[in-house]
Amino acid sequence: MRALFVALLLSYASGSGKAAGASGAKGNRFVCTAVPAGTDLSCPVETTNRVQSTSPQEEELRNTIIQLRETILQQKETIVSQQGTIKELNSKLARCEADARSRGNARRKDYSKNTMGDLPRDPTETVEQLGKTMQSLKDRLENLEQQLRANTTGGMFPNELRDLLKRRLTDLESQLLTRVAELEEEKSQLYNETTAHRQRTENTLNSLLERITELEKSNSAFKSPEDFKVSLPLRTNYLYGRIKKSLPEMYAFTVCMWLKSSASPGIGTPFSYGVPGQANEIVLIEWGNSPMELLVNDKVAQLPLAVSDGRWHHICITWTTRDGFWEAYQDGERLGTGENLAPWHPIKPGGVIILGQEQDIVGGRFDATQAFVGELSHFNMWDRVLRPIDISAMANCSAYMPGNVVPWVDANVEVFGGATKAALEICEDRLFDS
């Protein structure tokens, strides 16, 4: 290197001697000539005046080198970015697996309860959502792989990183397939559990319905035809009983029954009789905070009766068309009388007697707020006014008189909407209450 530098100095000195002899208006020009190392500097050096110029091949080669350098830098940046994306995908996959595992544990814990509640939810939606997420991850990984392949076409991408990415993609795909298989198996198990639960529920309901049907159709379940009661436990517009027999035309009547209710406010409507053109032909009702009322041809009389203490009470109502005179008895004692209740009006025949509901049309359009809540028994009607002594005897269980118009017998009473009939010996049950 030192010899090369000395040669350059000598050449410069030689050139400056020549330039001094040829100095003129054009000025001086110095030309440097490269001398190889080890050359004898005492020999004259050929100093051809040549100006270095850049050929097109050298310029193209220089541009190619610059482009290759930029490509390498871009690939390095791409590799760093793709490694970050791969880490992000791995993190999301781990969170998906943790969420799916926690949901599966919670679902198994819920289904282990022996309950008659709602059926387990079908996991199809969860499986589909996980499938979409996993497919999205797989698509992004495939895009990354395609980009990596495109970048490595020039042979400048490291083979080790490419092989590492391939192995990672293969592992991720294997994990996704395994998780999908587990979810499908869990879905199958949940479906089997749901089907079995539904089957058990249907079997239980069918057994209950069969039992209810047997009880409704059985006419020999009571010791005697009149020893039963009708239960109306809820204030609805669909629980009621119906008397199969209708009434003839009457100019007087007596209606007696046993009642047990603790409903508040008001026990509702123990019975109603409606005919075409007049749904309120005969109604006994205690509605809201109003006292009990008797309606005849939609005319009203208030009765001094109180039976909402949850105990059995015997009540009787008498009425005659002459002067519209009426009487009200409770537990064998006459508590009130009155007159001018639909005087000279005959009770019309061919209507419908409903137990537990007030009729807005004949046989229907019930109002739940007017429904009777409780139990009733021994509903009997006569086409005459009974004597006080007869009413007292029935209330004291010393005599039983079936109605000559409507007798209380099992075959004459139908129940609907969940109302039930059950055996009852009223006098013994009343003694137990007291």
Protein backbone atom coordinates (compact mmCIF):
# COMPACT_ATOMS: atom_id res chain seq x y z
CA MET A 1 0.00 0.00 0.00
CA ARG A 2 2.92 2.28 0.83
CA ALA A 3 4.56 1.52 -2.56
CA LEU A 4 1.31 2.41 -4.31
CA PHE A 5 1.20 5.74 -2.56
CA VAL A 6 4.84 6.56 -3.50
CA ALA A 7 4.12 5.69 -7.13
CA LEU A 8 1.21 8.08 -7.15
CA LEU A 9 3.44 10.86 -5.77
CA LEU A 10 6.11 10.27 -8.42
CA SER A 11 3.55 10.28 -11.14
CA TYR A 12 2.18 13.50 -9.79
CA ALA A 13 5.70 15.02 -9.80
CA SER A 14 6.40 13.91 -13.38
CA GLY A 15 3.11 15.25 -14.53
CA SER A 16 3.67 18.57 -12.85
CA GLY A 17 7.09 18.94 -14.66
CA LYS A 18 5.48 18.40 -18.01
CA ALA A 19 2.65 20.68 -17.14
CA ALA A 20 5.06 23.42 -16.18
CA GLY A 21 6.69 23.31 -19.65
CA ALA A 22 3.33 23.38 -21.37
CA SER A 23 1.71 26.00 -19.26
CA GLY A 24 -0.24 28.53 -21.19
CA ALA A 25 -3.66 30.02 -21.44
CA LYS A 26 -5.30 26.62 -21.09
CA GLY A 27 -3.99 26.05 -17.51
CA ASN A 28 -2.55 22.93 -15.84
CA ARG A 29 -4.07 19.40 -15.71
CA PHE A 30 -2.83 16.56 -13.51
CA VAL A 31 -3.40 12.88 -14.28
CA CYS A 32 -2.94 10.17 -11.64
CA THR A 33 -1.89 6.71 -12.79
CA ALA A 34 -2.27 3.60 -10.63
CA VAL A 35 1.00 1.63 -10.25
CA PRO A 36 0.82 -2.00 -9.13
CA ALA A 37 2.50 -2.97 -5.89
CA GLY A 38 6.15 -4.07 -6.23
CA THR A 39 6.78 -2.09 -9.42
CA ASP A 40 10.16 -0.46 -9.79
CA LEU A 41 9.49 3.22 -9.47
CA SER A 42 12.73 4.20 -11.24
CA CYS A 43 11.30 2.95 -14.52
CA PRO A 44 9.24 5.41 -16.46
CA VAL A 45 5.56 4.92 -15.90
CA GLU A 46 3.19 5.06 -18.79
CA THR A 47 0.89 7.88 -18.16
CA THR A 48 -1.77 7.70 -20.79
CA ASN A 49 -4.25 10.50 -20.50
CA ARG A 50 -7.49 8.64 -19.99
CA VAL A 51 -10.52 9.79 -18.17
CA GLN A 52 -12.41 7.15 -16.14
CA SER A 53 -15.96 6.80 -17.29
CA THR A 54 -18.82 4.64 -16.10
CA SER A 55 -20.07 2.08 -18.56
CA PRO A 56 -23.77 1.08 -18.80
CA GLN A 57 -22.98 -2.42 -17.46
CA GLU A 58 -21.40 -0.99 -14.32
CA GLU A 59 -24.37 1.33 -13.73
CA GLU A 60 -26.83 -1.57 -14.10
CA LEU A 61 -24.78 -3.71 -11.72
CA ARG A 62 -24.73 -0.90 -9.16
CA ASN A 63 -28.52 -0.46 -9.37
CA THR A 64 -29.01 -4.22 -8.99
CA ILE A 65 -26.88 -4.23 -5.84
CA ILE A 66 -28.89 -1.35 -4.38
CA GLN A 67 -32.18 -3.11 -5.16
CA LEU A 68 -30.95 -6.35 -3.60
CA ARG A 69 -29.91 -4.47 -0.48
CA GLU A 70 -33.37 -2.83 -0.21
CA THR A 71 -35.08 -6.20 -0.82
CA ILE A 72 -33.06 -7.78 2.00
CA LEU A 73 -34.07 -4.97 4.39
CA GLN A 74 -37.74 -5.29 3.41
CA GLN A 75 -37.65 -9.07 3.93
CA LYS A 76 -36.12 -8.58 7.36
CA GLU A 77 -38.94 -6.19 8.30
CA THR A 78 -41.52 -8.64 6.88
CA ILE A 79 -40.05 -11.50 8.92
CA VAL A 80 -40.24 -9.45 12.13
CA SER A 81 -43.85 -8.44 11.38
CA GLN A 82 -44.85 -12.03 10.55
CA GLN A 83 -43.26 -13.34 13.73
CA GLY A 84 -45.35 -10.82 15.72
CA THR A 85 -48.50 -11.91 13.87
CA ILE A 86 -47.74 -15.57 14.62
CA LYS A 87 -47.33 -14.76 18.32
CA GLU A 88 -50.65 -12.89 18.30
CA LEU A 89 -52.42 -15.83 16.62
CA ASN A 90 -50.94 -18.25 19.15
CA SER A 91 -52.19 -16.03 22.01
CA LYS A 92 -55.71 -15.84 20.53
CA LEU A 93 -55.80 -19.60 20.03
CA ALA A 94 -54.78 -20.14 23.68
CA ARG A 95 -57.56 -17.80 24.83
CA CYS A 96 -60.12 -19.59 22.64
CA GLU A 97 -59.11 -22.93 24.12
CA ALA A 98 -59.31 -21.54 27.70
CA ASP A 99 -62.78 -20.01 27.05
CA ALA A 100 -64.07 -23.21 25.48
CA ARG A 101 -62.72 -25.25 28.40
CA SER A 102 -64.37 -22.95 31.00
CA ARG A 103 -67.69 -23.01 29.11
CA GLY A 104 -67.61 -26.78 28.93
CA ASN A 105 -66.97 -27.05 32.69
CA ALA A 106 -69.80 -24.59 33.47
CA ARG A 107 -72.16 -26.43 31.11
CA ARG A 108 -71.38 -29.81 32.67
CA LYS A 109 -71.93 -28.33 36.12
CA ASP A 110 -75.34 -26.96 35.12
CA TYR A 111 -76.44 -30.18 33.51
CA SER A 112 -75.49 -32.24 36.55
CA LYS A 113 -78.41 -30.70 38.47
CA ASN A 114 -81.56 -32.81 38.68
CA THR A 115 -84.19 -30.19 37.97
CA MET A 116 -87.40 -29.74 36.07
CA GLY A 117 -86.32 -26.33 34.78
CA ASP A 118 -85.50 -25.30 31.27
CA LEU A 119 -83.78 -27.78 29.01
CA PRO A 120 -80.03 -27.33 28.27
CA ARG A 121 -79.23 -25.00 25.51
CA ASP A 122 -78.13 -26.58 22.23
CA PRO A 123 -74.33 -25.87 21.77
CA THR A 124 -74.56 -25.72 17.97
CA GLU A 125 -74.15 -21.93 18.00
CA THR A 126 -70.99 -22.13 20.17
CA VAL A 127 -69.47 -24.82 17.96
CA GLU A 128 -70.19 -22.83 14.81
CA GLN A 129 -68.67 -19.68 16.32
CA LEU A 130 -65.51 -21.53 17.35
CA GLY A 131 -65.36 -23.12 13.91
CA LYS A 132 -65.52 -19.69 12.26
CA THR A 133 -62.78 -18.34 14.56
CA MET A 134 -60.53 -21.32 13.88
CA GLN A 135 -61.16 -21.09 10.13
CA SER A 136 -60.23 -17.39 10.25
CA LEU A 137 -57.00 -18.23 12.08
CA LYS A 138 -56.22 -20.95 9.56
CA ASP A 139 -56.85 -18.58 6.64
CA ARG A 140 -54.54 -15.96 8.12
CA LEU A 141 -51.85 -18.56 8.65
CA GLU A 142 -52.22 -19.76 5.06
CA ASN A 143 -51.90 -16.17 3.83
CA LEU A 144 -48.74 -15.78 5.84
CA GLU A 145 -47.38 -18.99 4.37
CA GLN A 146 -48.15 -17.79 0.83
CA GLN A 147 -46.42 -14.49 1.52
CA LEU A 148 -43.41 -16.30 2.88
CA ARG A 149 -43.27 -18.52 -0.19
CA ALA A 150 -43.49 -15.48 -2.45
CA ASN A 151 -40.68 -13.79 -0.56
CA THR A 152 -38.47 -16.87 -0.76
CA THR A 153 -38.74 -17.29 -4.54
CA GLY A 154 -35.46 -15.41 -4.95
CA GLY A 155 -33.73 -17.97 -2.71
CA MET A 156 -32.76 -15.24 -0.21
CA PHE A 157 -35.18 -16.26 2.69
CA PRO A 158 -33.59 -18.49 5.32
CA ASN A 159 -34.61 -22.13 4.92
CA GLU A 160 -34.60 -22.70 8.68
CA LEU A 161 -37.27 -20.05 9.34
CA ARG A 162 -39.40 -21.38 6.50
CA ASP A 163 -39.22 -24.90 7.92
CA LEU A 164 -40.04 -23.57 11.39
CA LEU A 165 -43.15 -21.80 10.09
CA LYS A 166 -44.27 -24.94 8.27
CA ARG A 167 -43.92 -27.01 11.42
CA ARG A 168 -45.79 -24.38 13.44
CA LEU A 169 -48.61 -24.28 10.91
CA THR A 170 -48.84 -28.07 10.99
CA ASP A 171 -49.00 -28.06 14.80
CA LEU A 172 -51.69 -25.37 14.85
CA GLU A 173 -53.78 -27.23 12.30
CA SER A 174 -53.47 -30.42 14.34
CA GLN A 175 -54.55 -28.60 17.52
CA LEU A 176 -57.53 -27.05 15.74
CA LEU A 177 -58.67 -30.39 14.39
CA THR A 178 -58.33 -31.97 17.83
CA ARG A 179 -60.37 -29.20 19.44
CA VAL A 180 -63.08 -29.47 16.79
CA ALA A 181 -63.31 -33.21 17.39
CA GLU A 182 -63.65 -32.63 21.15
CA LEU A 183 -66.40 -30.06 20.62
CA GLU A 184 -68.28 -32.39 18.30
CA GLU A 185 -68.10 -35.16 20.89
CA GLU A 186 -69.30 -32.79 23.61
CA LYS A 187 -72.15 -31.63 21.36
CA SER A 188 -73.20 -35.25 20.84
CA GLN A 189 -73.17 -35.91 24.59
CA LEU A 190 -75.22 -32.78 25.33
CA TYR A 191 -77.76 -33.73 22.66
CA ASN A 192 -78.12 -37.19 24.21
CA GLU A 193 -78.59 -35.68 27.67
CA THR A 194 -81.18 -33.22 26.34
CA THR A 195 -83.11 -35.97 24.59
CA ALA A 196 -83.12 -38.13 27.70
CA HIS A 197 -84.26 -35.19 29.86
CA ARG A 198 -87.06 -34.37 27.44
CA GLN A 199 -88.16 -37.99 27.33
CA ARG A 200 -88.30 -38.21 31.14
CA THR A 201 -90.32 -35.00 31.30
CA GLU A 202 -92.79 -36.21 28.69
CA ASN A 203 -93.20 -39.54 30.48
CA THR A 204 -93.91 -37.78 33.77
CA LEU A 205 -96.47 -35.46 32.17
CA ASN A 206 -98.17 -38.36 30.40
CA SER A 207 -98.44 -40.25 33.69
CA LEU A 208 -99.98 -37.22 35.38
CA LEU A 209 -102.44 -36.71 32.53
CA GLU A 210 -103.46 -40.35 32.63
CA ARG A 211 -104.00 -40.14 36.38
CA ILE A 212 -106.06 -36.97 36.05
CA THR A 213 -108.15 -38.56 33.31
CA GLU A 214 -108.78 -41.59 35.47
CA LEU A 215 -109.88 -39.40 38.36
CA GLU A 216 -112.17 -37.36 36.13
CA LYS A 217 -113.80 -40.43 34.59
CA SER A 218 -114.11 -42.39 37.81
CA ASN A 219 -117.64 -42.31 39.24
CA SER A 220 -117.13 -44.97 41.88
CA ALA A 221 -114.36 -43.24 43.84
CA PHE A 222 -116.73 -41.86 46.51
CA LYS A 223 -118.55 -43.72 49.26
CA SER A 224 -121.84 -42.19 48.15
CA PRO A 225 -122.73 -40.02 45.12
CA GLU A 226 -122.96 -36.81 47.18
CA ASP A 227 -119.77 -37.24 49.26
CA PHE A 228 -117.41 -35.18 47.16
CA LYS A 229 -116.23 -31.61 46.73
CA VAL A 230 -115.12 -29.40 43.86
CA SER A 231 -111.80 -27.57 44.33
CA LEU A 232 -111.03 -24.31 42.51
CA PRO A 233 -107.58 -23.32 43.86
CA LEU A 234 -106.71 -20.42 41.52
CA ARG A 235 -108.35 -17.15 40.53
CA THR A 236 -108.45 -17.70 36.76
CA ASN A 237 -111.00 -17.55 33.99
CA TYR A 238 -110.68 -21.21 33.01
CA LEU A 239 -111.22 -23.23 36.24
CA TYR A 240 -114.90 -24.00 36.76
CA GLY A 241 -117.54 -26.66 37.28
CA ARG A 242 -120.76 -27.14 35.36
CA ILE A 243 -124.10 -28.65 36.39
CA LYS A 244 -125.40 -30.90 33.63
CA LYS A 245 -129.05 -30.31 34.53
CA SER A 246 -130.84 -27.05 33.77
CA LEU A 247 -133.69 -25.34 35.59
CA PRO A 248 -137.38 -25.29 34.76
CA GLU A 249 -139.43 -22.13 34.96
CA MET A 250 -139.70 -21.26 38.66
CA TYR A 251 -141.53 -18.70 40.77
CA ALA A 252 -139.52 -19.45 43.88
CA PHE A 253 -136.30 -21.23 44.76
CA THR A 254 -133.96 -22.22 47.56
CA VAL A 255 -130.27 -22.82 46.91
CA CYS A 256 -127.98 -24.29 49.59
CA MET A 257 -124.28 -25.26 49.58
CA TRP A 258 -121.20 -25.75 51.70
CA LEU A 259 -118.37 -23.25 51.09
CA LYS A 260 -114.76 -23.00 52.24
CA SER A 261 -112.63 -20.06 51.15
CA SER A 262 -109.99 -17.69 52.46
CA ALA A 263 -109.67 -15.59 49.30
CA SER A 264 -109.22 -11.85 49.63
CA PRO A 265 -110.54 -9.46 48.59
CA GLY A 266 -113.84 -11.24 48.01
CA ILE A 267 -114.37 -14.97 47.56
CA GLY A 268 -115.66 -14.47 43.99
CA THR A 269 -118.68 -16.18 42.43
CA PRO A 270 -119.73 -19.51 43.99
CA PHE A 271 -122.34 -20.05 41.24
CA SER A 272 -124.20 -18.30 38.44
CA TYR A 273 -127.21 -19.18 36.26
CA GLY A 274 -127.53 -17.61 32.84
CA VAL A 275 -130.23 -17.88 30.19
CA PRO A 276 -130.41 -16.55 26.63
CA GLY A 277 -130.95 -12.82 26.84
CA GLN A 278 -129.99 -12.60 30.53
CA ALA A 279 -126.58 -13.87 31.69
CA ASN A 280 -127.32 -12.74 35.28
CA GLU A 281 -130.60 -14.57 35.86
CA ILE A 282 -129.36 -15.84 39.27
CA VAL A 283 -125.89 -14.95 40.62
CA LEU A 284 -124.26 -15.23 44.05
CA ILE A 285 -121.09 -13.10 44.15
CA GLU A 286 -118.69 -11.39 46.55
CA TRP A 287 -116.47 -9.15 44.43
CA GLY A 288 -113.64 -7.01 45.75
CA ASN A 289 -114.39 -5.25 49.03
CA SER A 290 -118.16 -5.26 48.42
CA PRO A 291 -120.41 -7.48 50.56
CA MET A 292 -121.88 -10.68 49.15
CA GLU A 293 -124.71 -10.00 46.69
CA LEU A 294 -127.62 -11.93 45.23
CA LEU A 295 -128.64 -11.03 41.66
CA VAL A 296 -132.03 -12.04 40.21
CA ASN A 297 -132.72 -10.88 36.66
CA ASP A 298 -129.72 -8.54 37.10
CA LYS A 299 -131.35 -6.87 40.16
CA VAL A 300 -129.14 -6.74 43.27
CA ALA A 301 -129.63 -7.38 46.99
CA GLN A 302 -126.75 -7.25 49.49
CA LEU A 303 -126.49 -10.21 51.88
CA PRO A 304 -125.06 -10.05 55.45
CA LEU A 305 -122.87 -13.15 55.01
CA ALA A 306 -119.15 -13.57 55.85
CA VAL A 307 -117.51 -16.85 54.86
CA SER A 308 -113.90 -15.95 53.97
CA ASP A 309 -112.21 -17.30 57.13
CA GLY A 310 -110.95 -20.53 55.53
CA ARG A 311 -113.53 -22.78 57.31
CA TRP A 312 -116.52 -24.69 56.03
CA HIS A 313 -119.79 -22.74 56.16
CA HIS A 314 -123.31 -23.77 55.18
CA ILE A 315 -125.28 -21.03 53.39
CA CYS A 316 -128.81 -21.01 52.01
CA ILE A 317 -130.62 -18.35 49.95
CA THR A 318 -134.41 -18.33 49.43
CA TRP A 319 -136.36 -16.14 47.01
CA THR A 320 -139.95 -15.86 45.81
CA THR A 321 -141.37 -13.85 42.96
CA ARG A 322 -144.13 -12.55 45.27
CA ASP A 323 -142.87 -9.11 46.31
CA GLY A 324 -139.33 -10.28 45.50
CA PHE A 325 -138.89 -11.51 49.09
CA TRP A 326 -135.53 -13.12 50.00
CA GLU A 327 -133.79 -14.69 53.03
CA ALA A 328 -130.11 -15.39 53.76
CA TYR A 329 -128.91 -18.17 56.11
CA GLN A 330 -125.41 -18.95 57.37
CA ASP A 331 -124.65 -22.10 59.36
CA GLY A 332 -128.39 -22.66 59.96
CA GLU A 333 -129.08 -19.14 61.25
CA ARG A 334 -131.05 -16.56 59.30
CA LEU A 335 -128.94 -13.42 59.17
CA GLY A 336 -130.94 -11.21 56.81
CA THR A 337 -134.16 -10.74 54.82
CA GLY A 338 -135.39 -8.29 52.22
CA GLU A 339 -137.91 -7.69 49.47
CA ASN A 340 -138.48 -5.99 46.14
CA LEU A 341 -135.77 -8.09 44.46
CA ALA A 342 -137.09 -8.63 40.90
CA PRO A 343 -140.71 -8.94 42.12
CA TRP A 344 -143.15 -10.93 39.96
CA HIS A 345 -140.33 -12.10 37.72
CA PRO A 346 -140.35 -15.82 36.89
CA ILE A 347 -136.99 -17.63 36.69
CA LYS A 348 -136.53 -18.52 33.04
CA PRO A 349 -135.82 -22.13 32.04
CA GLY A 350 -133.19 -23.72 29.79
CA GLY A 351 -130.12 -21.91 31.12
CA VAL A 352 -126.66 -23.00 32.30
CA ILE A 353 -125.46 -23.34 35.91
CA ILE A 354 -121.72 -22.65 36.36
CA LEU A 355 -119.83 -23.26 39.59
CA GLY A 356 -116.98 -20.85 40.34
CA GLN A 357 -117.46 -18.28 37.54
CA GLU A 358 -119.73 -15.36 36.63
CA GLN A 359 -121.13 -15.55 33.09
CA ASP A 360 -121.09 -12.58 30.74
CA ILE A 361 -122.68 -14.73 28.05
CA VAL A 362 -124.50 -18.00 28.59
CA GLY A 363 -121.90 -20.60 29.57
CA GLY A 364 -118.80 -18.46 28.99
CA ARG A 365 -116.80 -15.22 28.79
CA PHE A 366 -115.60 -15.49 32.37
CA ASP A 367 -113.72 -12.74 34.25
CA ALA A 368 -110.81 -13.97 36.40
CA THR A 369 -111.33 -11.15 38.93
CA GLN A 370 -114.82 -12.56 39.68
CA ALA A 371 -113.75 -16.21 39.93
CA PHE A 372 -114.40 -18.19 43.11
CA VAL A 373 -111.31 -19.45 44.95
CA GLY A 374 -111.84 -22.29 47.39
CA GLU A 375 -113.93 -25.46 47.73
CA LEU A 376 -117.65 -26.11 47.56
CA SER A 377 -119.92 -29.11 48.07
CA HIS A 378 -123.59 -30.16 48.40
CA PHE A 379 -124.90 -27.59 45.91
CA ASN A 380 -128.67 -28.27 45.86
CA MET A 381 -131.64 -26.32 44.46
CA TRP A 382 -135.37 -26.58 45.13
CA ASP A 383 -138.27 -24.91 43.34
CA ARG A 384 -139.78 -23.75 46.62
CA VAL A 385 -138.82 -21.90 49.81
CA LEU A 386 -137.56 -24.35 52.44
CA ARG A 387 -138.58 -24.07 56.07
CA PRO A 388 -136.02 -22.71 58.54
CA ILE A 389 -136.08 -26.00 60.44
CA ASP A 390 -135.04 -27.91 57.32
CA ILE A 391 -132.21 -25.51 56.63
CA SER A 392 -131.00 -25.75 60.25
CA ALA A 393 -131.06 -29.55 60.12
CA MET A 394 -128.84 -29.62 57.02
CA ALA A 395 -126.42 -27.10 58.54
CA ASN A 396 -126.14 -29.18 61.75
CA CYS A 397 -125.61 -32.43 59.77
CA SER A 398 -128.71 -33.94 61.37
CA ALA A 399 -130.46 -34.37 58.01
CA TYR A 400 -129.63 -34.35 54.32
CA MET A 401 -132.13 -33.23 51.69
CA PRO A 402 -131.10 -33.45 48.03
CA GLY A 403 -132.54 -30.75 45.79
CA ASN A 404 -135.64 -31.69 43.82
CA VAL A 405 -134.50 -29.50 40.88
CA VAL A 406 -130.69 -29.81 41.09
CA PRO A 407 -129.35 -32.56 43.39
CA TRP A 408 -125.65 -32.78 44.30
CA VAL A 409 -124.51 -36.05 42.72
CA ASP A 410 -121.19 -36.94 41.13
CA ALA A 411 -122.67 -37.82 37.74
CA ASN A 412 -124.36 -34.39 37.54
CA VAL A 413 -121.18 -32.29 37.95
CA GLU A 414 -118.44 -31.70 35.36
CA VAL A 415 -115.13 -29.92 36.03
CA PHE A 416 -112.90 -28.05 33.55
CA GLY A 417 -109.58 -26.24 33.26
CA GLY A 418 -107.86 -27.94 36.18
CA ALA A 419 -110.71 -27.90 38.69
CA THR A 420 -110.85 -31.20 40.57
CA LYS A 421 -113.30 -33.43 42.40
CA ALA A 422 -112.26 -35.21 45.58
CA ALA A 423 -113.92 -37.34 48.24
CA LEU A 424 -115.37 -35.46 51.19
CA GLU A 425 -117.45 -36.28 54.24
CA ILE A 426 -118.53 -32.75 55.01
CA CYS A 427 -119.69 -33.20 58.59
CA GLU A 428 -116.48 -34.93 59.69
CA ASP A 429 -114.34 -32.37 57.87
CA ARG A 430 -116.30 -29.53 59.50
CA LEU A 431 -115.74 -31.02 62.96
CA PHE A 432 -112.02 -31.26 62.19
CA ASP A 433 -111.96 -27.55 61.19
CA SER A 434 -113.69 -26.51 64.41
